[in-house]
Amino acid sequence: MDEIRSLHPMRFRSIFVSDIHLGFKGCQARLLLDFLRNSRCDNLFLVGDIIDVWNMRNGLYWPQSHNNVIRTLLGKAKRGTRIVYIPGNHDEIFREYVGMVFGNIEIHDEFTHVTEDGMRLLLLHGDKFDDTVRVNRILGLLGD
């Protein structure tokens, strides 16, 4: 797929992304990569299921485009974009690292973002409200 090049990157205060599912064959990493490369922001929130660890248990699938997404995120973090990563059910293994920072990427269980006009937004992944996933792990895996 050809990359889309913009003369002027889009500028946002905050960007919210969830359910990327890197490591899954159906992931649209190239489209995400085009968006990330053509946008600038102060805050980038990764709200769960960024890396699909559940799917990777069935066999590793990790093409270069998935590496490129990770490298682009790390580059944005290095250049001053605040990146907050909130793990979901597919990448719940990263919940063990809540409170830590890796490559300038903060890991939180949940996060309160304050908009420019003062509105408070609670950011968390929806699996916290899914009793099937939380209480009966086997049903959650079967449903996936």
C-alpha atoms as a PDB file:
ATOM      1  CA  MET A   1       0.000   0.000   0.000  1.00  0.00           C
ATOM      2  CA  ASP A   2       1.387   3.403  -0.899  1.00  0.00           C
ATOM      3  CA  GLU A   3       1.902   5.836   1.918  1.00  0.00           C
ATOM      4  CA  ILE A   4      -0.028   9.064   1.904  1.00  0.00           C
ATOM      5  CA  ARG A   5       2.239  12.077   2.184  1.00  0.00           C
ATOM      6  CA  SER A   6       0.949  15.382   3.455  1.00  0.00           C
ATOM      7  CA  LEU A   7       2.753  18.687   2.970  1.00  0.00           C
ATOM      8  CA  HIS A   8       1.484  19.865   6.340  1.00  0.00           C
ATOM      9  CA  PRO A   9       0.917  17.343   9.112  1.00  0.00           C
ATOM     10  CA  MET A  10      -2.408  17.510  10.906  1.00  0.00           C
ATOM     11  CA  ARG A  11      -2.083  19.084  14.359  1.00  0.00           C
ATOM     12  CA  PHE A  12      -4.063  17.909  17.403  1.00  0.00           C
ATOM     13  CA  ARG A  13      -3.814  18.529  21.110  1.00  0.00           C
ATOM     14  CA  SER A  14      -4.662  14.891  21.889  1.00  0.00           C
ATOM     15  CA  ILE A  15      -5.137  11.694  19.908  1.00  0.00           C
ATOM     16  CA  PHE A  16      -6.877   8.594  21.268  1.00  0.00           C
ATOM     17  CA  VAL A  17      -6.216   5.188  19.693  1.00  0.00           C
ATOM     18  CA  SER A  18      -7.427   1.758  20.785  1.00  0.00           C
ATOM     19  CA  ASP A  19      -7.714  -1.799  19.521  1.00  0.00           C
ATOM     20  CA  ILE A  20      -4.809  -1.707  17.077  1.00  0.00           C
ATOM     21  CA  HIS A  21      -4.057  -5.432  17.620  1.00  0.00           C
ATOM     22  CA  LEU A  22      -0.420  -5.484  16.479  1.00  0.00           C
ATOM     23  CA  GLY A  23       0.534  -9.135  16.069  1.00  0.00           C
ATOM     24  CA  PHE A  24      -2.808 -10.019  14.419  1.00  0.00           C
ATOM     25  CA  LYS A  25      -3.059 -10.603  10.657  1.00  0.00           C
ATOM     26  CA  GLY A  26      -6.130  -8.367  10.391  1.00  0.00           C
ATOM     27  CA  CYS A  27      -4.311  -5.373  11.894  1.00  0.00           C
ATOM     28  CA  GLN A  28      -4.322  -2.265   9.686  1.00  0.00           C
ATOM     29  CA  ALA A  29      -0.814  -1.190  10.734  1.00  0.00           C
ATOM     30  CA  ARG A  30       0.004   0.604   7.473  1.00  0.00           C
ATOM     31  CA  LEU A  31      -3.069   2.823   7.698  1.00  0.00           C
ATOM     32  CA  LEU A  32      -2.242   3.639  11.311  1.00  0.00           C
ATOM     33  CA  LEU A  33       1.357   4.330  10.356  1.00  0.00           C
ATOM     34  CA  ASP A  34       0.253   6.811   7.678  1.00  0.00           C
ATOM     35  CA  PHE A  35      -1.921   8.582  10.223  1.00  0.00           C
ATOM     36  CA  LEU A  36       0.833   8.695  12.856  1.00  0.00           C
ATOM     37  CA  ARG A  37       3.411   9.974  10.381  1.00  0.00           C
ATOM     38  CA  ASN A  38       1.064  12.695   9.142  1.00  0.00           C
ATOM     39  CA  SER A  39      -0.111  13.985  12.500  1.00  0.00           C
ATOM     40  CA  ARG A  40       1.405  15.848  15.414  1.00  0.00           C
ATOM     41  CA  CYS A  41       0.020  16.020  18.928  1.00  0.00           C
ATOM     42  CA  ASP A  42       0.897  16.912  22.503  1.00  0.00           C
ATOM     43  CA  ASN A  43      -0.750  13.790  23.955  1.00  0.00           C
ATOM     44  CA  LEU A  44      -1.215  10.356  22.441  1.00  0.00           C
ATOM     45  CA  PHE A  45      -3.333   7.895  24.394  1.00  0.00           C
ATOM     46  CA  LEU A  46      -3.100   4.180  23.563  1.00  0.00           C
ATOM     47  CA  VAL A  47      -6.241   2.780  25.159  1.00  0.00           C
ATOM     48  CA  GLY A  48      -5.913  -0.991  25.174  1.00  0.00           C
ATOM     49  CA  ASP A  49      -5.370  -3.919  22.849  1.00  0.00           C
ATOM     50  CA  ILE A  50      -2.430  -2.238  21.169  1.00  0.00           C
ATOM     51  CA  ILE A  51      -0.466  -5.499  20.993  1.00  0.00           C
ATOM     52  CA  ASP A  52      -2.572  -8.642  20.595  1.00  0.00           C
ATOM     53  CA  VAL A  53      -0.747 -11.001  22.956  1.00  0.00           C
ATOM     54  CA  TRP A  54      -3.758 -13.369  22.958  1.00  0.00           C
ATOM     55  CA  ASN A  55      -3.444 -13.898  19.201  1.00  0.00           C
ATOM     56  CA  MET A  56       0.336 -14.270  19.304  1.00  0.00           C
ATOM     57  CA  ARG A  57      -0.052 -17.299  21.573  1.00  0.00           C
ATOM     58  CA  ASN A  58      -1.376 -19.117  18.489  1.00  0.00           C
ATOM     59  CA  GLY A  59       1.779 -18.365  16.517  1.00  0.00           C
ATOM     60  CA  LEU A  60       3.920 -15.330  15.980  1.00  0.00           C
ATOM     61  CA  TYR A  61       2.837 -12.893  13.295  1.00  0.00           C
ATOM     62  CA  TRP A  62       4.874  -9.680  13.323  1.00  0.00           C
ATOM     63  CA  PRO A  63       5.578  -8.057   9.929  1.00  0.00           C
ATOM     64  CA  GLN A  64       7.800  -5.029   9.426  1.00  0.00           C
ATOM     65  CA  SER A  65       4.783  -2.682   9.398  1.00  0.00           C
ATOM     66  CA  HIS A  66       4.098  -3.630  13.033  1.00  0.00           C
ATOM     67  CA  ASN A  67       7.723  -2.820  13.912  1.00  0.00           C
ATOM     68  CA  ASN A  68       7.333   0.492  12.107  1.00  0.00           C
ATOM     69  CA  VAL A  69       4.320   1.421  14.243  1.00  0.00           C
ATOM     70  CA  ILE A  70       6.286   0.724  17.440  1.00  0.00           C
ATOM     71  CA  ARG A  71       9.299   2.673  16.155  1.00  0.00           C
ATOM     72  CA  THR A  72       7.093   5.617  15.176  1.00  0.00           C
ATOM     73  CA  LEU A  73       5.470   5.667  18.619  1.00  0.00           C
ATOM     74  CA  LEU A  74       8.871   5.567  20.336  1.00  0.00           C
ATOM     75  CA  GLY A  75      10.095   8.356  18.047  1.00  0.00           C
ATOM     76  CA  LYS A  76       7.115  10.543  18.913  1.00  0.00           C
ATOM     77  CA  ALA A  77       7.718   9.918  22.614  1.00  0.00           C
ATOM     78  CA  LYS A  78      11.402  10.795  22.231  1.00  0.00           C
ATOM     79  CA  ARG A  79      10.536  14.072  20.478  1.00  0.00           C
ATOM     80  CA  GLY A  80       8.192  15.250  23.227  1.00  0.00           C
ATOM     81  CA  THR A  81       4.765  13.737  22.606  1.00  0.00           C
ATOM     82  CA  ARG A  82       3.366  12.490  25.888  1.00  0.00           C
ATOM     83  CA  ILE A  83       2.299   8.887  25.304  1.00  0.00           C
ATOM     84  CA  VAL A  84       0.091   7.115  27.837  1.00  0.00           C
ATOM     85  CA  TYR A  85      -0.478   3.391  27.367  1.00  0.00           C
ATOM     86  CA  ILE A  86      -3.480   1.804  29.097  1.00  0.00           C
ATOM     87  CA  PRO A  87      -3.420  -1.983  28.566  1.00  0.00           C
ATOM     88  CA  GLY A  88      -6.607  -3.856  27.638  1.00  0.00           C
ATOM     89  CA  ASN A  89      -7.547  -7.523  27.823  1.00  0.00           C
ATOM     90  CA  HIS A  90      -5.524  -8.581  24.755  1.00  0.00           C
ATOM     91  CA  ASP A  91      -2.373  -6.943  26.137  1.00  0.00           C
ATOM     92  CA  GLU A  92      -3.150  -7.396  29.830  1.00  0.00           C
ATOM     93  CA  ILE A  93       0.354  -8.741  30.451  1.00  0.00           C
ATOM     94  CA  PHE A  94       1.501  -5.102  30.401  1.00  0.00           C
ATOM     95  CA  ARG A  95      -0.695  -4.327  33.424  1.00  0.00           C
ATOM     96  CA  GLU A  96       2.138  -5.791  35.483  1.00  0.00           C
ATOM     97  CA  TYR A  97       4.104  -2.651  34.572  1.00  0.00           C
ATOM     98  CA  VAL A  98       1.503  -0.030  35.580  1.00  0.00           C
ATOM     99  CA  GLY A  99       3.281   2.975  37.043  1.00  0.00           C
ATOM    100  CA  MET A 100       6.427   2.450  34.982  1.00  0.00           C
ATOM    101  CA  VAL A 101       7.815   4.318  32.002  1.00  0.00           C
ATOM    102  CA  PHE A 102       9.474   2.573  29.041  1.00  0.00           C
ATOM    103  CA  GLY A 103      11.006   4.619  26.224  1.00  0.00           C
ATOM    104  CA  ASN A 104       9.146   7.714  27.513  1.00  0.00           C
ATOM    105  CA  ILE A 105       5.836   5.813  27.302  1.00  0.00           C
ATOM    106  CA  GLU A 106       3.870   5.879  30.558  1.00  0.00           C
ATOM    107  CA  ILE A 107       1.871   2.806  31.529  1.00  0.00           C
ATOM    108  CA  HIS A 108      -1.344   3.417  33.479  1.00  0.00           C
ATOM    109  CA  ASP A 109      -4.285   1.233  34.473  1.00  0.00           C
ATOM    110  CA  GLU A 110      -6.563   4.214  33.885  1.00  0.00           C
ATOM    111  CA  PHE A 111      -5.942   7.899  33.314  1.00  0.00           C
ATOM    112  CA  THR A 112      -7.874  11.133  33.699  1.00  0.00           C
ATOM    113  CA  HIS A 113      -7.328  13.531  30.809  1.00  0.00           C
ATOM    114  CA  VAL A 114      -8.368  17.166  31.134  1.00  0.00           C
ATOM    115  CA  THR A 115      -9.473  18.764  27.876  1.00  0.00           C
ATOM    116  CA  GLU A 116      -8.573  22.308  26.907  1.00  0.00           C
ATOM    117  CA  ASP A 117     -11.966  23.536  28.140  1.00  0.00           C
ATOM    118  CA  GLY A 118     -11.584  21.763  31.502  1.00  0.00           C
ATOM    119  CA  MET A 119     -13.683  18.643  30.862  1.00  0.00           C
ATOM    120  CA  ARG A 120     -12.333  15.578  32.643  1.00  0.00           C
ATOM    121  CA  LEU A 121     -12.265  12.315  30.669  1.00  0.00           C
ATOM    122  CA  LEU A 122     -11.668   8.971  32.346  1.00  0.00           C
ATOM    123  CA  LEU A 123      -9.652   6.766  30.007  1.00  0.00           C
ATOM    124  CA  LEU A 124      -9.738   3.002  30.463  1.00  0.00           C
ATOM    125  CA  HIS A 125     -10.215  -0.049  28.310  1.00  0.00           C
ATOM    126  CA  GLY A 126     -13.734  -1.479  28.104  1.00  0.00           C
ATOM    127  CA  ASP A 127     -12.767  -4.953  29.302  1.00  0.00           C
ATOM    128  CA  LYS A 128     -13.035  -3.601  32.855  1.00  0.00           C
ATOM    129  CA  PHE A 129     -16.821  -3.671  32.389  1.00  0.00           C
ATOM    130  CA  ASP A 130     -17.008  -7.080  30.697  1.00  0.00           C
ATOM    131  CA  ASP A 131     -17.677  -9.697  33.371  1.00  0.00           C
ATOM    132  CA  THR A 132     -17.185 -12.487  30.834  1.00  0.00           C
ATOM    133  CA  VAL A 133     -13.578 -11.430  30.348  1.00  0.00           C
ATOM    134  CA  ARG A 134     -12.924 -10.485  33.970  1.00  0.00           C
ATOM    135  CA  VAL A 135     -14.596 -13.381  35.799  1.00  0.00           C
ATOM    136  CA  ASN A 136     -14.374 -16.293  33.363  1.00  0.00           C
ATOM    137  CA  ARG A 137     -11.146 -16.079  31.420  1.00  0.00           C
ATOM    138  CA  ILE A 138     -11.862 -19.230  29.403  1.00  0.00           C
ATOM    139  CA  LEU A 139     -15.131 -17.786  28.042  1.00  0.00           C
ATOM    140  CA  GLY A 140     -13.296 -14.590  27.164  1.00  0.00           C
ATOM    141  CA  LEU A 141     -10.696 -16.505  25.200  1.00  0.00           C
ATOM    142  CA  LEU A 142     -13.352 -18.599  23.455  1.00  0.00           C
ATOM    143  CA  GLY A 143     -15.308 -15.471  22.552  1.00  0.00           C
ATOM    144  CA  ASP A 144     -12.209 -13.928  21.072  1.00  0.00           C
END
